[in-house]
Amino acid sequence: MRRALTLTPAPSLALLLALLVGGCASADRSPGLAFLRSGEFAAGRAHFERQAVEEPRDAALEYNEAGVMALLENDVPGAQRYFRMAFDDLEDLSSTTGETVKTFLGSADSRRWKGEPYERCMNAYYLGVTYWLRGDDDNAAASFKSGVLRDADSEEGAAQSDFALLWFLMGQAQRSAFHSDRGQAALKQAHELRPDNPWTAPEKAETGNVLLLLETGLGPKREAVGRHGADVRFRKNPGGSAGAIVRLGETLVGRTAPIGDIYKQATTRGEKVIDRISGGKAVFKDAAVIGGAVVLANSGSGRSDVIGVALLAAGLLASAQTDLRYWATLPDDVHILLADLPEGAHRLSLQGISVTGNPIQGMRWDVPVVVHPGRITLVWTRALPGNRGVAAAAR
């Protein structure tokens, strides 16, 4: 007489199923973005701090988001602390055996967040900005250089070390810190990468005592596409200004020019190992379901039934979806302008402009700047949704 079928999994199978269904982190970044859009920076900062505690595997991502909020609050030391914690976490590229197994068997977001190359580069960018805003242009140069090195870690060489923004900032920080070549090698590389930007030309890049950084728009959104959501696509966020006209009183200083296209950096990277794993998991899901059905249809024993059910369960429960976590508060582009101003305190006036070069109504704000002798003053500012601008000037 045939034995009754018992579907209690063996301990190893129970562990497998637990790994398949466990550890899915939310990829919804809209709550944090809502604080950015509304200008509630302190509330947004608190939100990301809570997220870092509640989801430790996302800590580096949440610290980066909190750092942006702190910078928007003009809390430069606080922003630097967040970016430094994220920087240290991103430098540690190791993972536990459990994280590796869960990444293969479960969802891709069950591992610690290490970000895409462009996100790791932007972490180094912000860390360098905060160092410079606090008057430490030497460590700023070192941070930008680490970003250049991170930009070279894609698996395919076509888009390596092409982040002109980082090369330009490294060169300017080295020029300010009186490095041996005054940043000429880095500035030359920036000009070769972005010859269309007038401020990278040698006659402009090697002069001036004020460097203005203007961030515009919102960075790309990460979406799942393809079979079982195993592939990733970056969607460009619409809107944002196309730069700004800068004046000192009634005197025209110049027009900012773009140099840091974040969407381009996100979409020109080499394929990552984790993306290939996701693609393999999509094939595994289909094969497991089909294989389980075939085994059950031709089963003649309780053991075959268990194998068939296990294959079906693995195929149905396994997540092939790619990692959807992304740094949501990044800008869409970074613009630059160099100026030569007298020593002392000034207020630069910025007028946001559209892609056609026309002024954007209501998008005008002032940026304080204090010029000291012998150093390049960095000024950071951001144009936000809703035609608003905020700024933090070097001290």
Protein backbone atom coordinates (compact mmCIF):
# COMPACT_ATOMS: atom_id res chain seq x y z
CA MET A 1 0.00 0.00 0.00
CA ARG A 2 1.37 3.43 -0.95
CA ARG A 3 2.38 5.68 1.94
CA ALA A 4 0.49 8.94 2.49
CA LEU A 5 2.39 11.92 1.14
CA THR A 6 4.02 14.09 3.81
CA LEU A 7 4.98 17.56 2.68
CA THR A 8 7.00 18.57 5.74
CA PRO A 9 10.28 19.91 4.35
CA ALA A 10 13.58 18.65 5.60
CA PRO A 11 15.50 21.14 7.79
CA SER A 12 17.69 22.16 4.85
CA LEU A 13 14.65 22.78 2.66
CA ALA A 14 13.00 24.83 5.42
CA LEU A 15 16.10 26.97 5.62
CA LEU A 16 16.05 27.40 1.84
CA LEU A 17 12.43 28.57 1.86
CA ALA A 18 13.11 30.97 4.74
CA LEU A 19 15.95 32.51 2.76
CA LEU A 20 13.74 32.82 -0.30
CA VAL A 21 10.99 34.77 1.41
CA GLY A 22 13.01 36.69 3.98
CA GLY A 23 14.83 39.98 3.96
CA CYS A 24 12.98 42.09 1.40
CA ALA A 25 13.63 45.78 2.02
CA SER A 26 11.33 48.50 0.79
CA ALA A 27 12.52 50.41 -2.24
CA ASP A 28 9.97 53.19 -1.87
CA ARG A 29 11.93 56.43 -1.60
CA SER A 30 8.92 58.74 -1.95
CA PRO A 31 8.55 59.62 1.78
CA GLY A 32 12.06 61.10 1.91
CA LEU A 33 11.59 62.88 -1.41
CA ALA A 34 8.40 64.47 -0.08
CA PHE A 35 10.44 66.22 2.63
CA LEU A 36 12.87 67.50 0.00
CA ARG A 37 10.10 68.84 -2.22
CA SER A 38 8.32 70.55 0.67
CA GLY A 39 11.48 72.05 2.15
CA GLU A 40 11.07 70.18 5.47
CA PHE A 41 14.74 69.37 5.71
CA ALA A 42 14.90 68.77 9.47
CA ALA A 43 11.98 66.34 9.30
CA GLY A 44 13.59 64.60 6.33
CA ARG A 45 16.86 64.28 8.19
CA ALA A 46 15.08 62.70 11.16
CA HIS A 47 13.25 60.33 8.81
CA PHE A 48 16.47 59.05 7.25
CA GLU A 49 18.12 58.71 10.65
CA ARG A 50 15.25 56.46 11.77
CA GLN A 51 15.51 54.44 8.58
CA ALA A 52 19.22 53.86 9.21
CA VAL A 53 18.39 52.35 12.60
CA GLU A 54 15.39 50.33 11.44
CA GLU A 55 17.11 48.96 8.30
CA PRO A 56 20.80 48.56 9.18
CA ARG A 57 21.60 47.02 5.80
CA ASP A 58 20.51 50.32 4.22
CA ALA A 59 22.54 52.45 6.64
CA ALA A 60 24.97 53.85 4.04
CA LEU A 61 22.08 54.87 1.79
CA GLU A 62 20.13 56.52 4.60
CA TYR A 63 23.22 58.35 5.88
CA ASN A 64 23.79 59.77 2.40
CA GLU A 65 20.19 60.94 2.23
CA ALA A 66 20.44 62.47 5.72
CA GLY A 67 23.66 64.20 4.67
CA VAL A 68 21.89 65.94 1.80
CA MET A 69 19.18 67.12 4.18
CA ALA A 70 21.75 68.42 6.66
CA LEU A 71 23.56 70.29 3.89
CA LEU A 72 20.27 71.85 2.80
CA GLU A 73 19.83 72.96 6.43
CA ASN A 74 23.27 74.58 6.19
CA ASP A 75 24.56 72.21 8.87
CA VAL A 76 27.87 71.48 7.15
CA PRO A 77 29.52 69.63 10.10
CA GLY A 78 26.44 67.42 10.47
CA ALA A 79 26.38 66.70 6.75
CA GLN A 80 30.07 65.80 6.80
CA ARG A 81 29.48 63.35 9.66
CA TYR A 82 26.76 61.52 7.69
CA PHE A 83 28.78 61.40 4.49
CA ARG A 84 31.83 60.18 6.38
CA MET A 85 29.88 57.30 7.96
CA ALA A 86 28.49 56.35 4.54
CA PHE A 87 31.95 56.69 2.97
CA ASP A 88 33.47 54.27 5.48
CA ASP A 89 30.63 51.78 5.00
CA LEU A 90 30.95 51.94 1.21
CA GLU A 91 34.71 51.35 1.44
CA ASP A 92 33.98 47.99 3.12
CA LEU A 93 32.90 45.92 0.12
CA SER A 94 32.83 42.64 2.04
CA SER A 95 29.65 40.70 2.74
CA THR A 96 28.78 37.85 5.06
CA THR A 97 28.09 34.34 3.80
CA GLY A 98 24.46 34.78 4.83
CA GLU A 99 24.14 37.96 2.78
CA THR A 100 25.67 36.24 -0.26
CA VAL A 101 23.33 33.26 -0.02
CA LYS A 102 20.26 35.45 0.50
CA THR A 103 21.23 37.60 -2.48
CA PHE A 104 21.31 34.54 -4.73
CA LEU A 105 18.26 32.77 -3.33
CA GLY A 106 16.19 35.71 -2.12
CA SER A 107 15.75 39.33 -3.11
CA ALA A 108 18.69 41.41 -4.27
CA ASP A 109 17.92 44.05 -1.64
CA SER A 110 18.57 41.60 1.21
CA ARG A 111 22.28 42.47 1.19
CA ARG A 112 23.93 45.60 2.56
CA TRP A 113 23.51 48.58 0.27
CA LYS A 114 26.74 49.42 -1.52
CA GLY A 115 25.23 51.55 -4.27
CA GLU A 116 26.00 51.86 -7.95
CA PRO A 117 29.38 53.32 -8.98
CA TYR A 118 27.78 56.72 -9.60
CA GLU A 119 26.30 56.72 -6.10
CA ARG A 120 29.64 55.85 -4.52
CA CYS A 121 31.20 58.66 -6.57
CA MET A 122 28.56 61.13 -5.37
CA ASN A 123 29.23 60.15 -1.77
CA ALA A 124 32.90 61.08 -2.31
CA TYR A 125 31.76 64.29 -4.04
CA TYR A 126 29.64 65.38 -1.09
CA LEU A 127 32.31 64.45 1.43
CA GLY A 128 34.79 66.61 -0.50
CA VAL A 129 32.30 69.48 -0.69
CA THR A 130 31.77 69.44 3.09
CA TYR A 131 35.52 69.37 3.74
CA TRP A 132 36.00 72.36 1.45
CA LEU A 133 33.07 74.27 2.91
CA ARG A 134 34.79 73.88 6.29
CA GLY A 135 38.04 75.27 4.91
CA ASP A 136 39.94 71.97 4.46
CA ASP A 137 40.69 72.01 0.74
CA ASP A 138 43.47 69.42 1.12
CA ASN A 139 41.11 66.71 2.42
CA ALA A 140 38.57 67.90 -0.13
CA ALA A 141 41.07 67.10 -2.89
CA ALA A 142 41.66 63.65 -1.37
CA SER A 143 37.91 62.97 -1.27
CA PHE A 144 37.42 63.98 -4.91
CA LYS A 145 40.36 61.76 -5.86
CA SER A 146 38.71 58.81 -4.10
CA GLY A 147 35.62 59.52 -6.18
CA VAL A 148 37.71 59.38 -9.36
CA LEU A 149 39.05 56.00 -8.23
CA ARG A 150 35.55 54.74 -7.46
CA ASP A 151 34.49 55.81 -10.94
CA ALA A 152 37.04 53.38 -12.34
CA ASP A 153 35.52 50.29 -10.73
CA SER A 154 33.00 49.37 -13.46
CA GLU A 155 33.63 45.99 -15.05
CA GLU A 156 33.75 47.40 -18.57
CA GLY A 157 36.28 50.07 -19.46
CA ALA A 158 34.29 52.27 -21.82
CA ALA A 159 32.89 54.54 -19.11
CA GLN A 160 35.67 54.39 -16.58
CA SER A 161 37.05 57.60 -15.06
CA ASP A 162 34.81 59.86 -17.13
CA PHE A 163 33.24 61.84 -14.27
CA ALA A 164 34.41 65.31 -15.31
CA LEU A 165 32.90 66.92 -12.22
CA LEU A 166 35.23 64.98 -9.91
CA TRP A 167 38.31 65.67 -12.04
CA PHE A 168 37.49 69.39 -12.12
CA LEU A 169 36.87 69.63 -8.37
CA MET A 170 40.00 67.64 -7.57
CA GLY A 171 42.03 70.01 -9.72
CA GLN A 172 40.50 73.13 -8.17
CA ALA A 173 40.98 71.82 -4.62
CA GLN A 174 44.60 70.95 -5.43
CA ARG A 175 45.05 74.45 -6.87
CA SER A 176 43.64 75.95 -3.67
CA ALA A 177 45.77 73.70 -1.44
CA PHE A 178 48.97 74.56 -3.40
CA HIS A 179 49.70 71.00 -4.52
CA SER A 180 52.85 70.62 -6.60
CA ASP A 181 51.21 70.98 -10.01
CA ARG A 182 48.39 73.22 -8.75
CA GLY A 183 45.87 70.70 -10.10
CA GLN A 184 46.82 71.16 -13.75
CA ALA A 185 46.76 67.44 -14.61
CA ALA A 186 43.27 66.96 -13.17
CA LEU A 187 41.98 70.17 -14.76
CA LYS A 188 43.36 69.07 -18.12
CA GLN A 189 41.48 65.78 -17.81
CA ALA A 190 38.27 67.63 -16.95
CA HIS A 191 38.66 69.82 -20.04
CA GLU A 192 39.23 66.78 -22.27
CA LEU A 193 36.07 65.19 -20.91
CA ARG A 194 33.94 68.36 -21.13
CA PRO A 195 35.43 70.73 -23.73
CA ASP A 196 31.90 72.15 -24.20
CA ASN A 197 32.00 73.65 -20.70
CA PRO A 198 33.68 77.08 -20.95
CA TRP A 199 34.83 76.99 -17.32
CA THR A 200 37.05 73.95 -17.96
CA ALA A 201 39.14 75.85 -20.53
CA PRO A 202 42.68 76.45 -19.16
CA GLU A 203 42.40 80.24 -19.36
CA LYS A 204 39.33 80.05 -17.09
CA ALA A 205 40.03 76.96 -14.95
CA GLU A 206 43.41 78.18 -13.70
CA THR A 207 42.14 81.58 -12.56
CA GLY A 208 39.49 82.89 -10.18
CA ASN A 209 39.13 82.78 -6.41
CA VAL A 210 35.48 81.70 -6.13
CA LEU A 211 34.08 78.38 -7.37
CA LEU A 212 30.29 78.12 -7.46
CA LEU A 213 28.59 74.69 -7.52
CA LEU A 214 24.93 74.69 -8.51
CA GLU A 215 22.93 71.46 -8.26
CA THR A 216 19.73 71.23 -10.29
CA GLY A 217 16.79 68.85 -10.55
CA LEU A 218 16.42 65.34 -9.13
CA GLY A 219 18.57 62.36 -10.03
CA PRO A 220 17.46 59.22 -11.87
CA LYS A 221 14.95 56.77 -10.48
CA ARG A 222 15.76 53.05 -10.49
CA GLU A 223 13.06 50.75 -11.90
CA ALA A 224 12.73 47.00 -12.46
CA VAL A 225 12.05 45.80 -16.01
CA GLY A 226 12.24 42.53 -17.92
CA ARG A 227 11.19 39.04 -16.96
CA HIS A 228 10.29 38.87 -13.26
CA GLY A 229 11.78 42.35 -12.83
CA ALA A 230 15.30 40.94 -13.11
CA ASP A 231 16.68 43.85 -15.12
CA VAL A 232 17.13 47.48 -14.11
CA ARG A 233 16.36 50.72 -15.91
CA PHE A 234 17.06 54.29 -14.82
CA ARG A 235 14.35 56.83 -15.56
CA LYS A 236 15.33 60.47 -15.89
CA ASN A 237 13.29 62.85 -13.75
CA PRO A 238 11.82 65.72 -15.77
CA GLY A 239 11.99 69.38 -14.78
CA GLY A 240 14.65 71.39 -13.03
CA SER A 241 16.47 74.45 -14.21
CA ALA A 242 19.16 74.53 -16.90
CA GLY A 243 21.51 76.57 -14.74
CA ALA A 244 21.60 80.17 -13.58
CA ILE A 245 22.73 83.66 -14.47
CA VAL A 246 24.97 84.96 -11.67
CA ARG A 247 25.36 88.63 -10.75
CA LEU A 248 27.18 90.61 -8.09
CA GLY A 249 24.91 93.56 -7.54
CA GLU A 250 24.25 94.91 -11.04
CA THR A 251 27.43 93.39 -12.46
CA LEU A 252 27.11 90.21 -14.54
CA VAL A 253 29.49 87.52 -13.27
CA GLY A 254 28.54 84.85 -15.77
CA ARG A 255 26.36 81.86 -16.52
CA THR A 256 26.79 78.45 -14.93
CA ALA A 257 27.57 75.49 -17.20
CA PRO A 258 26.76 71.80 -16.60
CA ILE A 259 29.55 69.34 -15.85
CA GLY A 260 28.05 66.52 -13.75
CA ASP A 261 25.24 64.69 -15.58
CA ILE A 262 24.11 62.13 -12.96
CA TYR A 263 21.73 60.31 -15.33
CA LYS A 264 24.56 59.77 -17.80
CA GLN A 265 26.79 58.43 -15.04
CA ALA A 266 24.05 56.04 -13.92
CA THR A 267 23.39 54.69 -17.42
CA THR A 268 26.92 54.29 -18.78
CA ARG A 269 28.30 51.81 -16.28
CA GLY A 270 29.58 48.33 -16.95
CA GLU A 271 27.35 45.39 -16.12
CA LYS A 272 27.66 44.34 -12.49
CA VAL A 273 27.94 40.79 -11.18
CA ILE A 274 24.77 41.21 -9.12
CA ASP A 275 22.77 42.08 -12.26
CA ARG A 276 23.90 38.87 -13.91
CA ILE A 277 22.81 36.95 -10.81
CA SER A 278 19.36 38.52 -11.07
CA GLY A 279 19.14 37.48 -14.71
CA GLY A 280 20.14 33.93 -13.78
CA LYS A 281 17.51 33.84 -11.06
CA ALA A 282 14.81 34.74 -13.59
CA VAL A 283 15.81 31.69 -15.64
CA PHE A 284 15.89 29.60 -12.45
CA LYS A 285 12.35 30.65 -11.49
CA ASP A 286 10.90 29.52 -14.81
CA ALA A 287 12.94 26.33 -14.92
CA ALA A 288 12.03 25.39 -11.34
CA VAL A 289 8.29 25.83 -11.93
CA ILE A 290 8.36 23.85 -15.18
CA GLY A 291 10.60 21.18 -13.68
CA GLY A 292 8.43 20.82 -10.59
CA ALA A 293 5.30 20.44 -12.69
CA VAL A 294 6.96 17.78 -14.85
CA VAL A 295 8.18 15.83 -11.81
CA LEU A 296 4.72 15.88 -10.20
CA ALA A 297 2.99 14.88 -13.43
CA ASN A 298 5.24 11.83 -13.74
CA SER A 299 5.66 11.05 -10.05
CA GLY A 300 5.40 7.50 -8.83
CA SER A 301 6.63 7.91 -5.27
CA GLY A 302 6.35 10.12 -2.24
CA ARG A 303 9.96 11.14 -2.66
CA SER A 304 9.29 12.39 -6.20
CA ASP A 305 6.27 14.29 -4.93
CA VAL A 306 8.42 16.09 -2.35
CA ILE A 307 11.02 16.97 -4.98
CA GLY A 308 8.35 18.27 -7.33
CA VAL A 309 6.67 20.37 -4.65
CA ALA A 310 10.06 21.73 -3.53
CA LEU A 311 10.91 22.78 -7.08
CA LEU A 312 7.53 24.46 -7.50
CA ALA A 313 7.91 26.27 -4.18
CA ALA A 314 11.42 27.41 -5.02
CA GLY A 315 10.31 28.71 -8.42
CA LEU A 316 7.26 30.49 -7.06
CA LEU A 317 8.88 31.98 -3.98
CA ALA A 318 12.30 32.91 -5.32
CA SER A 319 12.67 36.61 -6.04
CA ALA A 320 14.48 37.47 -9.26
CA GLN A 321 13.76 41.19 -8.96
CA THR A 322 16.81 43.41 -9.10
CA ASP A 323 17.79 45.72 -6.26
CA LEU A 324 15.55 48.81 -6.45
CA ARG A 325 17.18 50.85 -3.70
CA TYR A 326 18.66 54.11 -4.93
CA TRP A 327 19.84 57.50 -3.64
CA ALA A 328 16.73 59.55 -4.31
CA THR A 329 17.83 63.05 -3.20
CA LEU A 330 20.70 63.33 -5.67
CA PRO A 331 20.55 66.15 -8.22
CA ASP A 332 20.11 65.62 -11.94
CA ASP A 333 23.14 67.73 -12.83
CA VAL A 334 25.85 69.86 -11.24
CA HIS A 335 26.80 73.21 -12.82
CA ILE A 336 29.94 75.26 -12.22
CA LEU A 337 31.08 78.87 -12.48
CA LEU A 338 34.40 80.52 -11.63
CA ALA A 339 34.66 84.15 -10.55
CA ASP A 340 37.36 86.53 -9.42
CA LEU A 341 35.97 88.64 -6.58
CA PRO A 342 37.54 91.15 -4.18
CA GLU A 343 38.37 89.98 -0.68
CA GLY A 344 35.59 90.32 1.85
CA ALA A 345 31.89 89.49 2.17
CA HIS A 346 29.57 89.51 -0.84
CA ARG A 347 26.16 88.26 -1.93
CA LEU A 348 25.82 86.65 -5.33
CA SER A 349 22.41 86.79 -6.96
CA LEU A 350 21.28 83.74 -8.95
CA GLN A 351 18.49 83.74 -11.54
CA GLY A 352 17.37 80.28 -12.65
CA ILE A 353 17.03 79.81 -16.40
CA SER A 354 15.20 77.29 -18.58
CA VAL A 355 16.69 75.13 -21.33
CA THR A 356 15.86 77.94 -23.77
CA GLY A 357 17.89 80.40 -21.69
CA ASN A 358 14.88 82.35 -20.45
CA PRO A 359 14.56 83.35 -16.77
CA ILE A 360 12.32 81.08 -14.69
CA GLN A 361 9.73 83.23 -12.94
CA GLY A 362 10.15 83.29 -9.17
CA MET A 363 13.40 81.32 -9.25
CA ARG A 364 15.84 83.84 -7.85
CA TRP A 365 17.89 83.65 -4.69
CA ASP A 366 21.02 85.06 -3.06
CA VAL A 367 24.15 83.20 -2.04
CA PRO A 368 26.51 84.59 0.63
CA VAL A 369 30.23 84.31 -0.01
CA VAL A 370 33.28 85.44 1.96
CA VAL A 371 36.50 85.67 -0.05
CA HIS A 372 39.75 85.11 1.86
CA PRO A 373 43.23 85.80 0.51
CA GLY A 374 45.30 82.96 -0.93
CA ARG A 375 42.55 80.35 -1.19
CA ILE A 376 39.70 79.43 -3.51
CA THR A 377 36.32 79.92 -1.83
CA LEU A 378 33.80 77.18 -2.58
CA VAL A 379 30.11 78.06 -2.69
CA TRP A 380 27.52 75.27 -2.83
CA THR A 381 23.90 75.89 -3.72
CA ARG A 382 20.95 73.91 -4.99
CA ALA A 383 17.90 74.73 -7.09
CA LEU A 384 14.96 72.74 -5.72
CA PRO A 385 11.57 71.77 -7.14
CA GLY A 386 9.08 74.58 -6.80
CA ASN A 387 11.51 77.25 -8.03
CA ARG A 388 13.37 77.53 -4.74
CA GLY A 389 17.07 77.81 -4.04
CA VAL A 390 19.14 77.14 -0.92
CA ALA A 391 22.82 77.74 -0.29
CA ALA A 392 25.70 77.02 2.05
CA ALA A 393 28.81 79.16 1.60
CA ALA A 394 32.39 78.37 2.57
CA ARG A 395 33.63 79.66 5.88
